[in-house]
């Protein structure tokens, strides 16, 4: 299957929401896909990418850059199309764009209980930094 990767456009909004609800079921209330998509529209278009195949959106990745450090959000691929290189393609594309923008370090967070997700990122060269994430809801 031929996959193309391009920046998110407003026409993608409904398809991305549907995909995120499928990929991230049971998201915590503060991780509401529709709200997150509305607030993250300020992300530069080159850092919010969609993968297209079979005439529809099969995956997404969103990244942010804070000076020299970048963060990855909402990397996900339709479960029916996983293990076909779509997630890897999205990550490599967003890494290249961040590198071009001066990013020296890229971070992401995953649930410790998701061994398959950890393995995916380890295959891309990511390592656990031994840090503990702390948060507070305001």
N, C-alpha and C. Protein backbone atom coordinates (compact mmCIF):
# COMPACT_ATOMS: atom_id res chain seq x y z
N UNK A 1 0.84 -1.18 0.00
CA UNK A 1 0.00 0.00 0.00
C UNK A 1 0.89 1.24 0.00
N UNK A 2 0.53 2.19 -0.83
CA UNK A 2 1.26 3.45 -0.90
C UNK A 2 0.75 4.40 0.17
N UNK A 3 1.67 4.94 0.96
CA UNK A 3 1.35 5.89 2.02
C UNK A 3 2.01 7.22 1.69
N UNK A 4 1.27 8.29 1.88
CA UNK A 4 1.86 9.62 1.75
C UNK A 4 1.72 10.34 3.08
N UNK A 5 2.67 11.19 3.37
CA UNK A 5 2.65 11.97 4.61
C UNK A 5 2.62 13.43 4.23
N UNK A 6 1.71 14.17 4.87
CA UNK A 6 1.59 15.59 4.58
C UNK A 6 1.14 16.33 5.83
N UNK A 7 1.25 17.66 5.85
CA UNK A 7 0.77 18.43 6.99
C UNK A 7 -0.76 18.33 7.14
N UNK A 8 -1.22 18.42 8.36
CA UNK A 8 -2.64 18.48 8.70
C UNK A 8 -3.26 19.71 8.03
N UNK A 9 -4.49 19.56 7.55
CA UNK A 9 -5.27 20.70 7.05
C UNK A 9 -6.60 20.71 7.78
N UNK A 10 -7.28 21.81 7.75
CA UNK A 10 -8.58 21.92 8.43
C UNK A 10 -9.59 20.89 7.92
N UNK A 11 -9.46 20.49 6.67
CA UNK A 11 -10.37 19.48 6.12
C UNK A 11 -10.17 18.12 6.78
N UNK A 12 -9.04 17.93 7.46
CA UNK A 12 -8.74 16.66 8.14
C UNK A 12 -9.38 16.55 9.52
N UNK A 13 -9.93 17.64 10.03
CA UNK A 13 -10.37 17.72 11.42
C UNK A 13 -11.23 16.52 11.84
N UNK A 14 -12.35 16.28 11.18
CA UNK A 14 -13.25 15.21 11.59
C UNK A 14 -12.60 13.83 11.50
N UNK A 15 -11.82 13.61 10.45
CA UNK A 15 -11.15 12.32 10.28
C UNK A 15 -10.12 12.08 11.38
N UNK A 16 -9.40 13.12 11.77
CA UNK A 16 -8.40 12.98 12.82
C UNK A 16 -9.08 12.69 14.16
N UNK A 17 -10.17 13.38 14.45
CA UNK A 17 -10.90 13.12 15.70
C UNK A 17 -11.37 11.67 15.74
N UNK A 18 -11.97 11.21 14.66
CA UNK A 18 -12.45 9.82 14.60
C UNK A 18 -11.30 8.85 14.80
N UNK A 19 -10.18 9.11 14.16
CA UNK A 19 -9.02 8.23 14.30
C UNK A 19 -8.49 8.24 15.73
N UNK A 20 -8.34 9.42 16.33
CA UNK A 20 -7.83 9.50 17.69
C UNK A 20 -8.76 8.79 18.67
N UNK A 21 -10.06 8.90 18.48
CA UNK A 21 -10.99 8.20 19.37
C UNK A 21 -10.83 6.69 19.23
N UNK A 22 -10.47 6.23 18.05
CA UNK A 22 -10.24 4.80 17.82
C UNK A 22 -8.90 4.36 18.41
N UNK A 23 -7.88 5.17 18.22
CA UNK A 23 -6.53 4.81 18.67
C UNK A 23 -6.37 4.95 20.18
N UNK A 24 -6.97 5.97 20.74
CA UNK A 24 -6.79 6.28 22.16
C UNK A 24 -8.12 6.15 22.92
N UNK A 25 -8.72 4.96 22.93
CA UNK A 25 -10.01 4.83 23.62
C UNK A 25 -9.83 5.00 25.13
N UNK A 26 -10.83 5.51 25.76
CA UNK A 26 -10.77 5.67 27.21
C UNK A 26 -9.77 6.71 27.67
N UNK A 27 -9.48 7.69 26.81
CA UNK A 27 -8.54 8.75 27.21
C UNK A 27 -9.07 9.47 28.44
N UNK A 28 -8.17 9.91 29.27
CA UNK A 28 -8.55 10.65 30.46
C UNK A 28 -9.28 11.93 30.05
N UNK A 29 -10.16 12.42 30.89
CA UNK A 29 -10.96 13.61 30.52
C UNK A 29 -10.12 14.81 30.08
N UNK A 30 -8.94 14.98 30.66
CA UNK A 30 -8.10 16.12 30.26
C UNK A 30 -7.39 15.87 28.93
N UNK A 31 -7.53 14.67 28.36
CA UNK A 31 -6.96 14.36 27.05
C UNK A 31 -8.07 14.19 26.01
N UNK A 32 -9.01 15.08 26.01
CA UNK A 32 -10.12 15.03 25.06
C UNK A 32 -9.61 15.36 23.66
N UNK A 33 -9.70 14.41 22.71
CA UNK A 33 -9.15 14.65 21.36
C UNK A 33 -9.69 15.90 20.67
N UNK A 34 -10.98 16.15 20.74
CA UNK A 34 -11.54 17.32 20.05
C UNK A 34 -10.98 18.61 20.65
N UNK A 35 -10.92 18.69 21.96
CA UNK A 35 -10.38 19.89 22.59
C UNK A 35 -8.90 20.04 22.28
N UNK A 36 -8.16 18.93 22.37
CA UNK A 36 -6.72 19.00 22.09
C UNK A 36 -6.45 19.44 20.66
N UNK A 37 -7.25 18.96 19.73
CA UNK A 37 -7.05 19.34 18.34
C UNK A 37 -7.34 20.83 18.15
N UNK A 38 -8.37 21.34 18.79
CA UNK A 38 -8.67 22.77 18.69
C UNK A 38 -7.53 23.61 19.25
N UNK A 39 -7.02 23.23 20.42
CA UNK A 39 -5.98 24.04 21.05
C UNK A 39 -4.62 23.86 20.41
N UNK A 40 -4.40 22.77 19.73
CA UNK A 40 -3.09 22.52 19.12
C UNK A 40 -3.01 22.98 17.68
N UNK A 41 -4.01 23.66 17.21
CA UNK A 41 -3.95 24.19 15.84
C UNK A 41 -2.88 25.25 15.70
N UNK A 42 -2.35 25.70 16.83
CA UNK A 42 -1.27 26.68 16.79
C UNK A 42 0.07 26.02 16.48
N UNK A 43 0.11 24.69 16.46
CA UNK A 43 1.33 23.96 16.12
C UNK A 43 1.67 24.26 14.67
N UNK A 44 2.94 24.58 14.38
CA UNK A 44 3.30 24.82 12.98
C UNK A 44 2.91 23.62 12.10
N UNK A 45 2.42 23.89 10.92
CA UNK A 45 1.92 22.82 10.06
C UNK A 45 2.96 21.76 9.77
N UNK A 46 4.23 22.14 9.74
CA UNK A 46 5.26 21.14 9.46
C UNK A 46 5.49 20.19 10.63
N UNK A 47 4.85 20.47 11.78
CA UNK A 47 4.99 19.60 12.96
C UNK A 47 3.70 18.85 13.30
N UNK A 48 2.70 18.94 12.46
CA UNK A 48 1.45 18.19 12.65
C UNK A 48 1.20 17.47 11.33
N UNK A 49 1.52 16.19 11.31
CA UNK A 49 1.50 15.42 10.07
C UNK A 49 0.45 14.33 10.11
N UNK A 50 -0.08 14.03 8.94
CA UNK A 50 -1.02 12.92 8.78
C UNK A 50 -0.48 11.97 7.71
N UNK A 51 -0.74 10.68 7.91
CA UNK A 51 -0.38 9.66 6.92
C UNK A 51 -1.65 9.26 6.20
N UNK A 52 -1.60 9.29 4.89
CA UNK A 52 -2.76 8.99 4.06
C UNK A 52 -2.51 7.68 3.31
N UNK A 53 -3.50 6.81 3.33
CA UNK A 53 -3.45 5.56 2.57
C UNK A 53 -4.85 5.08 2.32
N UNK A 54 -5.06 4.46 1.21
CA UNK A 54 -6.39 3.97 0.84
C UNK A 54 -7.44 5.09 0.91
N UNK A 55 -7.01 6.30 0.61
CA UNK A 55 -7.93 7.43 0.54
C UNK A 55 -8.39 7.99 1.87
N UNK A 56 -7.69 7.63 2.96
CA UNK A 56 -8.10 8.16 4.26
C UNK A 56 -6.89 8.31 5.17
N UNK A 57 -7.10 9.00 6.29
CA UNK A 57 -6.04 9.22 7.26
C UNK A 57 -5.87 7.95 8.09
N UNK A 58 -4.64 7.42 8.07
CA UNK A 58 -4.34 6.19 8.81
C UNK A 58 -3.46 6.44 10.02
N UNK A 59 -2.85 7.62 10.11
CA UNK A 59 -1.98 7.90 11.24
C UNK A 59 -1.71 9.38 11.37
N UNK A 60 -1.26 9.77 12.56
CA UNK A 60 -0.93 11.16 12.85
C UNK A 60 0.29 11.24 13.74
N UNK A 61 0.93 12.37 13.72
CA UNK A 61 1.94 12.73 14.71
C UNK A 61 1.91 14.25 14.85
N UNK A 62 2.08 14.69 16.07
CA UNK A 62 2.14 16.12 16.35
C UNK A 62 3.36 16.34 17.24
N UNK A 63 4.08 17.41 17.00
CA UNK A 63 5.26 17.71 17.80
C UNK A 63 5.28 19.18 18.15
N UNK A 64 6.00 19.49 19.19
CA UNK A 64 6.20 20.86 19.60
C UNK A 64 7.67 21.11 19.81
N UNK A 65 8.06 22.37 19.76
CA UNK A 65 9.46 22.74 19.95
C UNK A 65 9.52 23.90 20.92
N UNK A 66 10.30 23.70 21.97
CA UNK A 66 10.49 24.72 22.99
C UNK A 66 11.99 25.03 23.03
N UNK A 67 12.40 25.91 22.18
CA UNK A 67 13.83 26.20 22.08
C UNK A 67 14.54 25.06 21.39
N UNK A 68 15.41 24.37 22.12
CA UNK A 68 16.18 23.27 21.54
C UNK A 68 15.58 21.91 21.86
N UNK A 69 14.52 21.85 22.66
CA UNK A 69 13.90 20.59 23.03
C UNK A 69 12.55 20.43 22.37
N UNK A 70 12.32 19.24 21.82
CA UNK A 70 11.05 18.96 21.18
C UNK A 70 10.29 17.89 21.96
N UNK A 71 8.99 17.85 21.73
CA UNK A 71 8.11 16.85 22.33
C UNK A 71 7.21 16.27 21.25
N UNK A 72 6.94 14.99 21.35
CA UNK A 72 6.05 14.30 20.41
C UNK A 72 4.74 14.02 21.12
N UNK A 73 3.64 14.29 20.41
CA UNK A 73 2.29 14.04 20.92
C UNK A 73 1.49 13.33 19.84
N UNK A 74 0.53 12.58 20.25
CA UNK A 74 -0.46 11.99 19.34
C UNK A 74 0.13 11.24 18.16
N UNK A 75 1.21 10.49 18.40
CA UNK A 75 1.63 9.55 17.36
C UNK A 75 0.69 8.36 17.48
N UNK A 76 0.03 8.04 16.40
CA UNK A 76 -0.88 6.90 16.42
C UNK A 76 -1.20 6.45 15.02
N UNK A 77 -1.46 5.15 14.90
CA UNK A 77 -1.80 4.55 13.62
C UNK A 77 -3.04 3.69 13.82
N UNK A 78 -3.94 3.74 12.87
CA UNK A 78 -5.14 2.90 12.90
C UNK A 78 -4.71 1.46 13.20
N UNK A 79 -5.31 0.83 14.21
CA UNK A 79 -4.90 -0.53 14.58
C UNK A 79 -4.90 -1.53 13.43
N UNK A 80 -5.77 -1.35 12.46
CA UNK A 80 -5.82 -2.27 11.32
C UNK A 80 -4.65 -2.11 10.36
N UNK A 81 -3.85 -1.04 10.52
CA UNK A 81 -2.77 -0.76 9.59
C UNK A 81 -1.41 -0.67 10.30
N UNK A 82 -1.33 -1.17 11.52
CA UNK A 82 -0.06 -1.14 12.25
C UNK A 82 0.91 -2.17 11.69
N UNK A 83 2.16 -1.98 12.02
CA UNK A 83 3.26 -2.87 11.60
C UNK A 83 3.47 -2.85 10.08
N UNK A 84 3.18 -1.69 9.50
CA UNK A 84 3.41 -1.51 8.06
C UNK A 84 4.35 -0.33 7.79
N UNK A 85 4.97 0.19 8.86
CA UNK A 85 5.93 1.28 8.71
C UNK A 85 5.33 2.67 8.76
N UNK A 86 4.04 2.78 9.00
CA UNK A 86 3.40 4.11 9.01
C UNK A 86 3.88 4.94 10.19
N UNK A 87 3.88 4.37 11.38
CA UNK A 87 4.35 5.09 12.57
C UNK A 87 5.81 5.48 12.44
N UNK A 88 6.62 4.58 11.94
CA UNK A 88 8.03 4.87 11.73
C UNK A 88 8.21 6.01 10.74
N UNK A 89 7.47 5.98 9.66
CA UNK A 89 7.55 7.03 8.65
C UNK A 89 7.17 8.38 9.24
N UNK A 90 6.10 8.41 10.02
CA UNK A 90 5.68 9.66 10.65
C UNK A 90 6.74 10.19 11.61
N UNK A 91 7.31 9.29 12.43
CA UNK A 91 8.33 9.72 13.38
C UNK A 91 9.58 10.23 12.67
N UNK A 92 10.02 9.54 11.65
CA UNK A 92 11.23 9.98 10.94
C UNK A 92 11.01 11.34 10.28
N UNK A 93 9.82 11.54 9.75
CA UNK A 93 9.51 12.82 9.11
C UNK A 93 9.49 13.96 10.13
N UNK A 94 8.84 13.75 11.26
CA UNK A 94 8.76 14.82 12.25
C UNK A 94 10.13 15.05 12.90
N UNK A 95 10.92 14.00 13.09
CA UNK A 95 12.28 14.17 13.61
C UNK A 95 13.10 15.04 12.66
N UNK A 96 13.02 14.77 11.37
CA UNK A 96 13.77 15.56 10.38
C UNK A 96 13.35 17.02 10.42
N UNK A 97 12.06 17.26 10.52
CA UNK A 97 11.59 18.65 10.54
C UNK A 97 12.07 19.37 11.80
N UNK A 98 12.02 18.67 12.93
CA UNK A 98 12.50 19.27 14.18
C UNK A 98 14.00 19.56 14.10
N UNK A 99 14.75 18.63 13.55
CA UNK A 99 16.20 18.81 13.39
C UNK A 99 16.47 20.06 12.56
N UNK A 100 15.72 20.24 11.47
CA UNK A 100 15.88 21.41 10.60
C UNK A 100 15.57 22.71 11.36
N UNK A 101 14.72 22.62 12.37
CA UNK A 101 14.32 23.80 13.14
C UNK A 101 15.26 24.06 14.33
N UNK A 102 16.32 23.25 14.45
CA UNK A 102 17.30 23.46 15.51
C UNK A 102 17.08 22.63 16.76
N UNK A 103 16.19 21.68 16.71
CA UNK A 103 15.92 20.82 17.87
C UNK A 103 17.11 19.89 18.10
N UNK A 104 17.57 19.85 19.34
CA UNK A 104 18.72 19.01 19.69
C UNK A 104 18.31 17.77 20.47
N UNK A 105 17.14 17.80 21.07
CA UNK A 105 16.69 16.72 21.94
C UNK A 105 15.20 16.52 21.74
N UNK A 106 14.76 15.29 21.62
CA UNK A 106 13.34 15.01 21.43
C UNK A 106 12.85 14.09 22.53
N UNK A 107 11.71 14.44 23.12
CA UNK A 107 11.15 13.70 24.23
C UNK A 107 9.73 13.25 23.91
N UNK A 108 9.30 12.22 24.61
CA UNK A 108 7.92 11.77 24.53
C UNK A 108 7.60 11.01 25.79
N UNK A 109 6.32 10.87 26.04
CA UNK A 109 5.89 10.11 27.21
C UNK A 109 5.01 8.96 26.75
N UNK A 110 5.21 7.82 27.41
CA UNK A 110 4.37 6.66 27.15
C UNK A 110 3.96 6.07 28.49
N UNK A 111 2.88 5.30 28.47
CA UNK A 111 2.46 4.60 29.68
C UNK A 111 3.44 3.46 29.93
N UNK A 112 3.93 3.34 31.15
CA UNK A 112 4.90 2.29 31.49
C UNK A 112 4.34 0.90 31.23
N UNK A 113 3.04 0.75 31.25
CA UNK A 113 2.42 -0.56 31.05
C UNK A 113 2.34 -0.97 29.58
N UNK A 114 2.71 -0.12 28.67
CA UNK A 114 2.60 -0.38 27.23
C UNK A 114 3.94 -0.86 26.67
N UNK A 115 4.26 -2.13 26.91
CA UNK A 115 5.54 -2.69 26.47
C UNK A 115 5.72 -2.62 24.96
N UNK A 116 4.64 -2.83 24.19
CA UNK A 116 4.77 -2.79 22.73
C UNK A 116 5.08 -1.38 22.24
N UNK A 117 4.57 -0.38 22.92
CA UNK A 117 4.87 1.01 22.55
C UNK A 117 6.33 1.32 22.88
N UNK A 118 6.78 0.87 24.04
CA UNK A 118 8.18 1.08 24.41
C UNK A 118 9.10 0.40 23.40
N UNK A 119 8.78 -0.80 22.98
CA UNK A 119 9.59 -1.52 21.99
C UNK A 119 9.64 -0.76 20.66
N UNK A 120 8.50 -0.20 20.25
CA UNK A 120 8.45 0.58 19.01
C UNK A 120 9.46 1.72 19.07
N UNK A 121 9.43 2.49 20.15
CA UNK A 121 10.33 3.64 20.25
C UNK A 121 11.78 3.20 20.42
N UNK A 122 12.03 2.12 21.15
CA UNK A 122 13.39 1.63 21.29
C UNK A 122 13.97 1.25 19.93
N UNK A 123 13.14 0.68 19.06
CA UNK A 123 13.59 0.34 17.70
C UNK A 123 13.95 1.57 16.88
N UNK A 124 13.44 2.72 17.29
CA UNK A 124 13.77 3.98 16.61
C UNK A 124 14.93 4.72 17.28
N UNK A 125 15.51 4.09 18.32
CA UNK A 125 16.67 4.68 18.97
C UNK A 125 16.38 5.45 20.25
N UNK A 126 15.15 5.45 20.71
CA UNK A 126 14.81 6.15 21.94
C UNK A 126 15.16 5.28 23.14
N UNK A 127 15.59 5.92 24.23
CA UNK A 127 15.93 5.20 25.45
C UNK A 127 15.21 5.84 26.63
N UNK A 128 14.93 5.02 27.62
CA UNK A 128 14.34 5.53 28.85
C UNK A 128 15.39 6.39 29.55
N UNK A 129 14.99 7.56 29.97
CA UNK A 129 15.94 8.48 30.59
C UNK A 129 15.95 8.35 32.11
N UNK A 130 15.18 7.41 32.63
CA UNK A 130 15.17 7.20 34.08
C UNK A 130 14.55 8.35 34.86
N UNK A 131 13.75 9.13 34.18
CA UNK A 131 13.08 10.26 34.84
C UNK A 131 11.68 9.86 35.23
N UNK A 132 11.17 10.51 36.20
CA UNK A 132 9.78 10.31 36.59
C UNK A 132 9.01 11.57 36.23
N UNK A 133 7.90 11.39 35.56
CA UNK A 133 7.06 12.53 35.20
C UNK A 133 6.14 12.83 36.37
N UNK A 134 6.03 14.10 36.69
CA UNK A 134 5.10 14.53 37.74
C UNK A 134 4.14 15.53 37.11
N UNK A 135 2.94 15.54 37.61
CA UNK A 135 1.94 16.46 37.08
C UNK A 135 0.97 16.90 38.15
N UNK A 136 0.26 17.94 37.85
CA UNK A 136 -0.74 18.48 38.76
C UNK A 136 -1.85 19.08 37.92
N UNK A 137 -3.06 18.68 38.16
CA UNK A 137 -4.21 19.24 37.46
C UNK A 137 -4.59 20.56 38.10
N UNK A 138 -4.76 21.57 37.29
CA UNK A 138 -5.11 22.90 37.83
C UNK A 138 -6.55 23.24 37.57
